[in-house]
Amino acid sequence: MNERFETEVAGTRLVLVRGDITTQDVDAVVNAANPQLTPGGGVSGAIHRAGGPELTRAAAAVRRERGPLPPGEAVITPAGNLRARWVVHTVGPVWRGGRHGEAELLARAYRSCLSLATAHELRSIAFPSISTGVYGYPVGEAAPVALGAVRGFLREHPGALDEVRFVLFSADHFAAYRRAWEDLPNPAHGRRFTDHGAPGVQSAPNGTGQAHQAPGDRSGGLP
């Protein structure tokens, strides 16, 4: 069953959805890349396969020009055959137990992608769950870092983007991100949808039925 949750942060839709990152109809999708920007496996391999030779050649040209991409940084290329127009490539950290700056690097990767998107005047961007595949970052640890970094950027740049979407492949990842959002300090509560489009009820954590609203955020379903 596909699921979707959406809320609003400082004028931008923030969406969690189960799905395939390669089929997203947005201005840019984010590739969880390796430093060499080669196809690799996991998300990166899937994006390169869907994008075709044009995407792989564009990534190779960037690599030749600037060398390996350090963790936390991002570059942008045309998207080839993808529905998106652009691919933003970023390298997340390899999990080494959580005491080697992994959280800081992961947050920087998300912020770098958003900065690049706004610099190119893009209005929508879709992220996978960076570093939670072969790089071994536990999704329960990664989700709050990812959501916190994105929410912080959106609050600092109100209205800079129309939509930021997290595309989670598995039910476990979707549930982890959904829990992480509710556990953030002062989350804006939104609406949860099944694949039939029926909204699910979201109760406030204080049991009052009233969701806490953070400054600059608007809770509730979106038109």
C-alpha atoms as a PDB file:
ATOM      1  CA  MET A   1       0.000   0.000   0.000  1.00  0.00           C
ATOM      2  CA  ASN A   2       1.349   3.388  -0.983  1.00  0.00           C
ATOM      3  CA  GLU A   3       1.197   6.029   1.715  1.00  0.00           C
ATOM      4  CA  ARG A   4       1.638   9.762   1.741  1.00  0.00           C
ATOM      5  CA  PHE A   5       1.954  12.388   4.443  1.00  0.00           C
ATOM      6  CA  GLU A   6       2.127  16.104   3.808  1.00  0.00           C
ATOM      7  CA  THR A   7       2.421  19.269   5.811  1.00  0.00           C
ATOM      8  CA  GLU A   8       3.673  22.803   5.235  1.00  0.00           C
ATOM      9  CA  VAL A   9       6.804  24.555   6.446  1.00  0.00           C
ATOM     10  CA  ALA A  10       7.186  28.295   5.858  1.00  0.00           C
ATOM     11  CA  GLY A  11       5.169  28.212   2.645  1.00  0.00           C
ATOM     12  CA  THR A  12       6.649  24.987   1.241  1.00  0.00           C
ATOM     13  CA  ARG A  13       4.905  21.619   1.071  1.00  0.00           C
ATOM     14  CA  LEU A  14       6.886  18.930   2.857  1.00  0.00           C
ATOM     15  CA  VAL A  15       5.829  15.496   1.640  1.00  0.00           C
ATOM     16  CA  LEU A  16       6.686  11.942   2.695  1.00  0.00           C
ATOM     17  CA  VAL A  17       5.618   9.294   0.208  1.00  0.00           C
ATOM     18  CA  ARG A  18       6.322   5.653  -0.516  1.00  0.00           C
ATOM     19  CA  GLY A  19       7.432   5.288  -4.088  1.00  0.00           C
ATOM     20  CA  ASP A  20      10.172   5.146  -6.691  1.00  0.00           C
ATOM     21  CA  ILE A  21      12.570   8.092  -6.825  1.00  0.00           C
ATOM     22  CA  THR A  22      13.169   7.552 -10.547  1.00  0.00           C
ATOM     23  CA  THR A  23       9.537   8.242 -11.519  1.00  0.00           C
ATOM     24  CA  GLN A  24       9.027  11.522  -9.665  1.00  0.00           C
ATOM     25  CA  ASP A  25       7.665  14.432 -11.701  1.00  0.00           C
ATOM     26  CA  VAL A  26       9.596  17.241 -10.029  1.00  0.00           C
ATOM     27  CA  ASP A  27      12.175  19.787 -11.117  1.00  0.00           C
ATOM     28  CA  ALA A  28      15.022  17.747  -9.594  1.00  0.00           C
ATOM     29  CA  VAL A  29      15.597  14.399  -7.968  1.00  0.00           C
ATOM     30  CA  VAL A  30      18.494  13.828  -5.617  1.00  0.00           C
ATOM     31  CA  ASN A  31      20.954  11.042  -6.286  1.00  0.00           C
ATOM     32  CA  ALA A  32      22.596   9.451  -3.251  1.00  0.00           C
ATOM     33  CA  ALA A  33      25.868   9.296  -5.135  1.00  0.00           C
ATOM     34  CA  ASN A  34      29.315   7.873  -4.546  1.00  0.00           C
ATOM     35  CA  PRO A  35      32.288  10.252  -4.655  1.00  0.00           C
ATOM     36  CA  GLN A  36      33.171   9.195  -8.215  1.00  0.00           C
ATOM     37  CA  LEU A  37      29.607   9.941  -9.456  1.00  0.00           C
ATOM     38  CA  THR A  38      29.535   6.545 -11.158  1.00  0.00           C
ATOM     39  CA  PRO A  39      26.296   4.514 -11.337  1.00  0.00           C
ATOM     40  CA  GLY A  40      27.080   2.118  -8.484  1.00  0.00           C
ATOM     41  CA  GLY A  41      24.228   0.243  -6.802  1.00  0.00           C
ATOM     42  CA  GLY A  42      21.106   1.101  -4.858  1.00  0.00           C
ATOM     43  CA  VAL A  43      19.530   4.506  -5.510  1.00  0.00           C
ATOM     44  CA  SER A  44      22.456   5.694  -7.609  1.00  0.00           C
ATOM     45  CA  GLY A  45      22.318   2.692  -9.915  1.00  0.00           C
ATOM     46  CA  ALA A  46      18.556   2.999 -10.318  1.00  0.00           C
ATOM     47  CA  ILE A  47      18.750   6.709 -11.168  1.00  0.00           C
ATOM     48  CA  HIS A  48      21.538   6.163 -13.704  1.00  0.00           C
ATOM     49  CA  ARG A  49      19.677   3.289 -15.357  1.00  0.00           C
ATOM     50  CA  ALA A  50      16.510   5.342 -15.650  1.00  0.00           C
ATOM     51  CA  GLY A  51      18.361   8.475 -16.745  1.00  0.00           C
ATOM     52  CA  GLY A  52      20.346   6.649 -19.413  1.00  0.00           C
ATOM     53  CA  PRO A  53      23.694   7.456 -21.022  1.00  0.00           C
ATOM     54  CA  GLU A  54      23.119  11.225 -21.081  1.00  0.00           C
ATOM     55  CA  LEU A  55      22.948  11.342 -17.287  1.00  0.00           C
ATOM     56  CA  THR A  56      25.977   9.097 -16.843  1.00  0.00           C
ATOM     57  CA  ARG A  57      28.016  11.171 -19.312  1.00  0.00           C
ATOM     58  CA  ALA A  58      27.055  14.402 -17.574  1.00  0.00           C
ATOM     59  CA  ALA A  59      28.095  13.010 -14.186  1.00  0.00           C
ATOM     60  CA  ALA A  60      31.387  11.771 -15.643  1.00  0.00           C
ATOM     61  CA  ALA A  61      32.091  15.233 -17.057  1.00  0.00           C
ATOM     62  CA  VAL A  62      31.603  16.801 -13.619  1.00  0.00           C
ATOM     63  CA  ARG A  63      33.910  14.215 -12.076  1.00  0.00           C
ATOM     64  CA  ARG A  64      36.627  14.921 -14.661  1.00  0.00           C
ATOM     65  CA  GLU A  65      36.321  18.641 -14.071  1.00  0.00           C
ATOM     66  CA  ARG A  66      36.344  18.710 -10.283  1.00  0.00           C
ATOM     67  CA  GLY A  67      37.475  15.299  -9.090  1.00  0.00           C
ATOM     68  CA  PRO A  68      35.715  13.178  -6.455  1.00  0.00           C
ATOM     69  CA  LEU A  69      32.754  14.773  -4.702  1.00  0.00           C
ATOM     70  CA  PRO A  70      33.365  15.099  -0.948  1.00  0.00           C
ATOM     71  CA  PRO A  71      30.675  13.986   1.513  1.00  0.00           C
ATOM     72  CA  GLY A  72      28.198  16.756   2.253  1.00  0.00           C
ATOM     73  CA  GLU A  73      28.645  18.578  -1.050  1.00  0.00           C
ATOM     74  CA  ALA A  74      26.373  18.560  -4.114  1.00  0.00           C
ATOM     75  CA  VAL A  75      26.513  19.111  -7.868  1.00  0.00           C
ATOM     76  CA  ILE A  76      23.784  19.306 -10.509  1.00  0.00           C
ATOM     77  CA  THR A  77      23.476  17.733 -13.971  1.00  0.00           C
ATOM     78  CA  PRO A  78      20.752  17.306 -16.590  1.00  0.00           C
ATOM     79  CA  ALA A  79      18.510  14.323 -15.828  1.00  0.00           C
ATOM     80  CA  GLY A  80      18.630  12.493 -19.156  1.00  0.00           C
ATOM     81  CA  ASN A  81      15.553  10.304 -19.599  1.00  0.00           C
ATOM     82  CA  LEU A  82      14.091  10.903 -16.145  1.00  0.00           C
ATOM     83  CA  ARG A  83      10.806  12.764 -15.755  1.00  0.00           C
ATOM     84  CA  ALA A  84      12.677  15.303 -13.623  1.00  0.00           C
ATOM     85  CA  ARG A  85      14.684  17.946 -15.462  1.00  0.00           C
ATOM     86  CA  TRP A  86      17.743  17.811 -13.209  1.00  0.00           C
ATOM     87  CA  VAL A  87      19.614  15.467 -10.923  1.00  0.00           C
ATOM     88  CA  VAL A  88      21.310  16.854  -7.841  1.00  0.00           C
ATOM     89  CA  HIS A  89      24.103  14.487  -6.826  1.00  0.00           C
ATOM     90  CA  THR A  90      25.255  14.427  -3.222  1.00  0.00           C
ATOM     91  CA  VAL A  91      27.459  12.118  -1.187  1.00  0.00           C
ATOM     92  CA  GLY A  92      26.278  11.163   2.267  1.00  0.00           C
ATOM     93  CA  PRO A  93      28.468   9.873   5.069  1.00  0.00           C
ATOM     94  CA  VAL A  94      29.363   6.252   5.654  1.00  0.00           C
ATOM     95  CA  TRP A  95      28.056   5.176   9.054  1.00  0.00           C
ATOM     96  CA  ARG A  96      30.907   4.543  11.482  1.00  0.00           C
ATOM     97  CA  GLY A  97      28.974   4.316  14.719  1.00  0.00           C
ATOM     98  CA  GLY A  98      27.737   7.891  14.897  1.00  0.00           C
ATOM     99  CA  ARG A  99      30.764   9.437  16.595  1.00  0.00           C
ATOM    100  CA  HIS A 100      32.640  10.622  13.536  1.00  0.00           C
ATOM    101  CA  GLY A 101      30.570  13.600  12.440  1.00  0.00           C
ATOM    102  CA  GLU A 102      28.071  11.554  10.448  1.00  0.00           C
ATOM    103  CA  ALA A 103      25.070  13.628  11.500  1.00  0.00           C
ATOM    104  CA  GLU A 104      26.758  16.896  10.566  1.00  0.00           C
ATOM    105  CA  LEU A 105      27.771  15.551   7.147  1.00  0.00           C
ATOM    106  CA  LEU A 106      24.317  14.153   6.486  1.00  0.00           C
ATOM    107  CA  ALA A 107      22.634  17.437   7.372  1.00  0.00           C
ATOM    108  CA  ARG A 108      25.118  19.279   5.166  1.00  0.00           C
ATOM    109  CA  ALA A 109      24.284  16.994   2.241  1.00  0.00           C
ATOM    110  CA  TYR A 110      20.589  17.886   2.469  1.00  0.00           C
ATOM    111  CA  ARG A 111      21.293  21.591   2.860  1.00  0.00           C
ATOM    112  CA  SER A 112      23.737  21.563  -0.058  1.00  0.00           C
ATOM    113  CA  CYS A 113      21.087  20.039  -2.318  1.00  0.00           C
ATOM    114  CA  LEU A 114      18.499  22.617  -1.285  1.00  0.00           C
ATOM    115  CA  SER A 115      20.956  25.477  -1.732  1.00  0.00           C
ATOM    116  CA  LEU A 116      21.808  24.270  -5.217  1.00  0.00           C
ATOM    117  CA  ALA A 117      18.133  23.884  -6.105  1.00  0.00           C
ATOM    118  CA  THR A 118      17.281  27.407  -5.023  1.00  0.00           C
ATOM    119  CA  ALA A 119      20.355  28.829  -6.758  1.00  0.00           C
ATOM    120  CA  HIS A 120      19.038  27.297 -10.008  1.00  0.00           C
ATOM    121  CA  GLU A 121      15.538  28.640  -9.284  1.00  0.00           C
ATOM    122  CA  LEU A 122      14.013  25.161  -9.068  1.00  0.00           C
ATOM    123  CA  ARG A 123      10.653  24.889  -7.347  1.00  0.00           C
ATOM    124  CA  SER A 124      10.408  21.203  -6.421  1.00  0.00           C
ATOM    125  CA  ILE A 125      12.889  18.537  -5.373  1.00  0.00           C
ATOM    126  CA  ALA A 126      12.613  14.875  -4.354  1.00  0.00           C
ATOM    127  CA  PHE A 127      15.038  13.198  -1.953  1.00  0.00           C
ATOM    128  CA  PRO A 128      15.712   9.543  -1.269  1.00  0.00           C
ATOM    129  CA  SER A 129      16.828   8.538   2.205  1.00  0.00           C
ATOM    130  CA  ILE A 130      20.504   9.441   1.863  1.00  0.00           C
ATOM    131  CA  SER A 131      23.139   7.085   3.331  1.00  0.00           C
ATOM    132  CA  THR A 132      20.641   4.505   4.679  1.00  0.00           C
ATOM    133  CA  GLY A 133      21.467   1.905   2.017  1.00  0.00           C
ATOM    134  CA  VAL A 134      24.929   0.515   1.417  1.00  0.00           C
ATOM    135  CA  TYR A 135      26.473   3.307   3.518  1.00  0.00           C
ATOM    136  CA  GLY A 136      24.832   1.720   6.549  1.00  0.00           C
ATOM    137  CA  TYR A 137      23.325   4.760   8.296  1.00  0.00           C
ATOM    138  CA  PRO A 138      20.468   3.442  10.479  1.00  0.00           C
ATOM    139  CA  VAL A 139      17.237   4.929   9.160  1.00  0.00           C
ATOM    140  CA  GLY A 140      16.024   5.660  12.676  1.00  0.00           C
ATOM    141  CA  GLU A 141      19.097   7.838  13.184  1.00  0.00           C
ATOM    142  CA  ALA A 142      19.110   9.367   9.693  1.00  0.00           C
ATOM    143  CA  ALA A 143      15.456  10.403   9.471  1.00  0.00           C
ATOM    144  CA  PRO A 144      15.464  13.071  12.212  1.00  0.00           C
ATOM    145  CA  VAL A 145      18.709  14.523  10.859  1.00  0.00           C
ATOM    146  CA  ALA A 146      17.270  14.701   7.344  1.00  0.00           C
ATOM    147  CA  LEU A 147      13.950  16.204   8.383  1.00  0.00           C
ATOM    148  CA  GLY A 148      15.534  18.625  10.810  1.00  0.00           C
ATOM    149  CA  ALA A 149      17.992  19.869   8.190  1.00  0.00           C
ATOM    150  CA  VAL A 150      15.266  20.344   5.583  1.00  0.00           C
ATOM    151  CA  ARG A 151      12.888  22.048   7.999  1.00  0.00           C
ATOM    152  CA  GLY A 152      15.639  24.376   9.158  1.00  0.00           C
ATOM    153  CA  PHE A 153      16.524  25.351   5.596  1.00  0.00           C
ATOM    154  CA  LEU A 154      12.886  26.003   4.681  1.00  0.00           C
ATOM    155  CA  ARG A 155      12.388  28.205   7.720  1.00  0.00           C
ATOM    156  CA  GLU A 156      15.475  30.174   6.765  1.00  0.00           C
ATOM    157  CA  HIS A 157      14.264  30.525   3.145  1.00  0.00           C
ATOM    158  CA  PRO A 158      10.475  30.858   3.332  1.00  0.00           C
ATOM    159  CA  GLY A 159       8.717  30.241   0.039  1.00  0.00           C
ATOM    160  CA  ALA A 160      11.944  29.447  -1.820  1.00  0.00           C
ATOM    161  CA  LEU A 161      10.524  26.103  -2.959  1.00  0.00           C
ATOM    162  CA  ASP A 162       7.008  24.884  -3.668  1.00  0.00           C
ATOM    163  CA  GLU A 163       7.631  21.305  -2.557  1.00  0.00           C
ATOM    164  CA  VAL A 164      10.263  19.154  -0.913  1.00  0.00           C
ATOM    165  CA  ARG A 165       9.465  15.465  -1.171  1.00  0.00           C
ATOM    166  CA  PHE A 166      11.022  12.469   0.576  1.00  0.00           C
ATOM    167  CA  VAL A 167      10.482   9.338  -1.510  1.00  0.00           C
ATOM    168  CA  LEU A 168      10.808   6.276   0.718  1.00  0.00           C
ATOM    169  CA  PHE A 169      11.000   2.889  -0.950  1.00  0.00           C
ATOM    170  CA  SER A 170       9.890   0.656   1.907  1.00  0.00           C
ATOM    171  CA  ALA A 171       7.131   0.704   4.508  1.00  0.00           C
ATOM    172  CA  ASP A 172       9.770   0.589   7.255  1.00  0.00           C
ATOM    173  CA  HIS A 173      11.511   3.682   5.931  1.00  0.00           C
ATOM    174  CA  PHE A 174       8.227   5.551   5.535  1.00  0.00           C
ATOM    175  CA  ALA A 175       7.267   4.680   9.116  1.00  0.00           C
ATOM    176  CA  ALA A 176      10.674   5.779  10.411  1.00  0.00           C
ATOM    177  CA  TYR A 177      10.416   9.166   8.718  1.00  0.00           C
ATOM    178  CA  ARG A 178       6.837   9.582   9.859  1.00  0.00           C
ATOM    179  CA  ARG A 179       7.839   8.892  13.484  1.00  0.00           C
ATOM    180  CA  ALA A 180      10.837  11.180  13.176  1.00  0.00           C
ATOM    181  CA  TRP A 181       8.671  14.062  11.999  1.00  0.00           C
ATOM    182  CA  GLU A 182       6.323  13.688  14.966  1.00  0.00           C
ATOM    183  CA  ASP A 183       9.308  13.528  17.325  1.00  0.00           C
ATOM    184  CA  LEU A 184      10.874  16.776  16.091  1.00  0.00           C
ATOM    185  CA  PRO A 185      10.381  19.712  18.468  1.00  0.00           C
ATOM    186  CA  ASN A 186       7.168  21.565  17.546  1.00  0.00           C
ATOM    187  CA  PRO A 187       6.341  19.689  14.333  1.00  0.00           C
ATOM    188  CA  ALA A 188       3.642  21.007  12.038  1.00  0.00           C
ATOM    189  CA  HIS A 189       1.097  18.220  11.816  1.00  0.00           C
ATOM    190  CA  GLY A 190      -0.252  17.329   8.425  1.00  0.00           C
ATOM    191  CA  ARG A 191      -2.391  14.696   6.794  1.00  0.00           C
ATOM    192  CA  ARG A 192      -1.668  11.058   6.068  1.00  0.00           C
ATOM    193  CA  PHE A 193      -3.146   9.430   2.978  1.00  0.00           C
ATOM    194  CA  THR A 194      -3.496   5.830   1.850  1.00  0.00           C
ATOM    195  CA  ASP A 195      -3.219   4.821  -1.784  1.00  0.00           C
ATOM    196  CA  HIS A 196      -6.987   5.359  -2.040  1.00  0.00           C
ATOM    197  CA  GLY A 197      -6.506   9.024  -1.202  1.00  0.00           C
ATOM    198  CA  ALA A 198      -8.469   8.854   2.042  1.00  0.00           C
ATOM    199  CA  PRO A 199      -6.987  11.084   4.721  1.00  0.00           C
ATOM    200  CA  GLY A 200      -6.042   9.471   8.008  1.00  0.00           C
ATOM    201  CA  VAL A 201      -6.629  11.248  11.293  1.00  0.00           C
ATOM    202  CA  GLN A 202      -3.543  12.691  12.938  1.00  0.00           C
ATOM    203  CA  SER A 203      -3.847  13.121  16.683  1.00  0.00           C
ATOM    204  CA  ALA A 204      -1.709  15.526  18.614  1.00  0.00           C
ATOM    205  CA  PRO A 205       0.894  13.970  20.909  1.00  0.00           C
ATOM    206  CA  ASN A 206      -0.555  15.778  23.920  1.00  0.00           C
ATOM    207  CA  GLY A 207      -3.837  13.898  23.484  1.00  0.00           C
ATOM    208  CA  THR A 208      -5.904  17.076  23.170  1.00  0.00           C
ATOM    209  CA  GLY A 209      -6.662  16.624  19.499  1.00  0.00           C
ATOM    210  CA  GLN A 210      -4.984  19.981  18.811  1.00  0.00           C
ATOM    211  CA  ALA A 211      -1.699  19.898  16.971  1.00  0.00           C
ATOM    212  CA  HIS A 212       1.103  22.141  18.136  1.00  0.00           C
ATOM    213  CA  GLN A 213       2.019  24.713  15.508  1.00  0.00           C
ATOM    214  CA  ALA A 214       5.555  25.940  15.096  1.00  0.00           C
ATOM    215  CA  PRO A 215       6.228  29.568  14.151  1.00  0.00           C
ATOM    216  CA  GLY A 216       6.239  29.888  10.364  1.00  0.00           C
ATOM    217  CA  ASP A 217       4.553  26.535   9.827  1.00  0.00           C
ATOM    218  CA  ARG A 218       0.938  25.838   8.962  1.00  0.00           C
ATOM    219  CA  SER A 219      -0.589  22.559   9.993  1.00  0.00           C
ATOM    220  CA  GLY A 220      -3.393  20.628   8.427  1.00  0.00           C
ATOM    221  CA  GLY A 221      -4.233  19.353   4.981  1.00  0.00           C
ATOM    222  CA  LEU A 222      -3.237  21.309   1.943  1.00  0.00           C
ATOM    223  CA  PRO A 223      -5.507  22.276  -0.920  1.00  0.00           C
END
